Amino acid sequence: MKVKIRNSNKKYAKKTGFRTRQKTAGGRKVNKRQRARHGSF
């Protein structure tokens, strides 16, 4: 099956680490939520 997604987008979509999430306002919100739920991670 061919994934209908441009390579550059795929590369961007792959970046799901903590540091990457910290780089955007939305990502920081996600990290904050994670920390609240599970303690430090």
C-alpha atoms as a PDB file:
ATOM      1  CA  MET A   1       0.000   0.000   0.000  1.00  0.00           C
ATOM      2  CA  LYS A   2       1.348   3.402  -0.911  1.00  0.00           C
ATOM      3  CA  VAL A   3       1.144   5.956   1.841  1.00  0.00           C
ATOM      4  CA  LYS A   4      -0.204   9.154   0.331  1.00  0.00           C
ATOM      5  CA  ILE A   5       2.052  11.563   2.150  1.00  0.00           C
ATOM      6  CA  ARG A   6       4.924  13.649   0.854  1.00  0.00           C
ATOM      7  CA  ASN A   7       8.326  12.651   2.167  1.00  0.00           C
ATOM      8  CA  SER A   8       9.044  15.981   3.867  1.00  0.00           C
ATOM      9  CA  ASN A   9       5.709  15.767   5.675  1.00  0.00           C
ATOM     10  CA  LYS A  10       6.419  12.231   6.749  1.00  0.00           C
ATOM     11  CA  LYS A  11       9.751  13.277   8.209  1.00  0.00           C
ATOM     12  CA  TYR A  12       8.045  16.064  10.103  1.00  0.00           C
ATOM     13  CA  ALA A  13       5.278  13.773  11.312  1.00  0.00           C
ATOM     14  CA  LYS A  14       7.840  11.305  12.619  1.00  0.00           C
ATOM     15  CA  LYS A  15       9.292  13.783  15.065  1.00  0.00           C
ATOM     16  CA  THR A  16       7.419  12.869  18.221  1.00  0.00           C
ATOM     17  CA  GLY A  17      10.084  13.075  20.907  1.00  0.00           C
ATOM     18  CA  PHE A  18       9.936  15.167  24.048  1.00  0.00           C
ATOM     19  CA  ARG A  19      12.365  17.811  22.769  1.00  0.00           C
ATOM     20  CA  THR A  20      10.480  18.189  19.516  1.00  0.00           C
ATOM     21  CA  ARG A  21       7.187  18.678  21.335  1.00  0.00           C
ATOM     22  CA  GLN A  22       8.789  21.318  23.537  1.00  0.00           C
ATOM     23  CA  LYS A  23       9.427  23.434  20.446  1.00  0.00           C
ATOM     24  CA  THR A  24       5.777  24.362  19.861  1.00  0.00           C
ATOM     25  CA  ALA A  25       3.174  25.867  22.146  1.00  0.00           C
ATOM     26  CA  GLY A  26       0.810  22.937  21.486  1.00  0.00           C
ATOM     27  CA  GLY A  27       3.577  20.447  22.191  1.00  0.00           C
ATOM     28  CA  ARG A  28       4.438  22.065  25.483  1.00  0.00           C
ATOM     29  CA  LYS A  29       0.797  21.728  26.429  1.00  0.00           C
ATOM     30  CA  VAL A  30       0.963  18.018  25.604  1.00  0.00           C
ATOM     31  CA  ASN A  31       4.105  17.542  27.699  1.00  0.00           C
ATOM     32  CA  LYS A  32       2.550  19.411  30.580  1.00  0.00           C
ATOM     33  CA  ARG A  33      -0.503  17.149  30.409  1.00  0.00           C
ATOM     34  CA  GLN A  34       1.702  14.048  30.317  1.00  0.00           C
ATOM     35  CA  ARG A  35       3.630  15.265  33.341  1.00  0.00           C
ATOM     36  CA  ALA A  36       0.436  15.969  35.240  1.00  0.00           C
ATOM     37  CA  ARG A  37      -0.922  12.516  34.524  1.00  0.00           C
ATOM     38  CA  HIS A  38       2.144  10.386  34.996  1.00  0.00           C
ATOM     39  CA  GLY A  39       4.497  12.482  37.019  1.00  0.00           C
ATOM     40  CA  SER A  40       7.879  13.301  35.530  1.00  0.00           C
ATOM     41  CA  PHE A  41       8.635  11.271  32.405  1.00  0.00           C
END
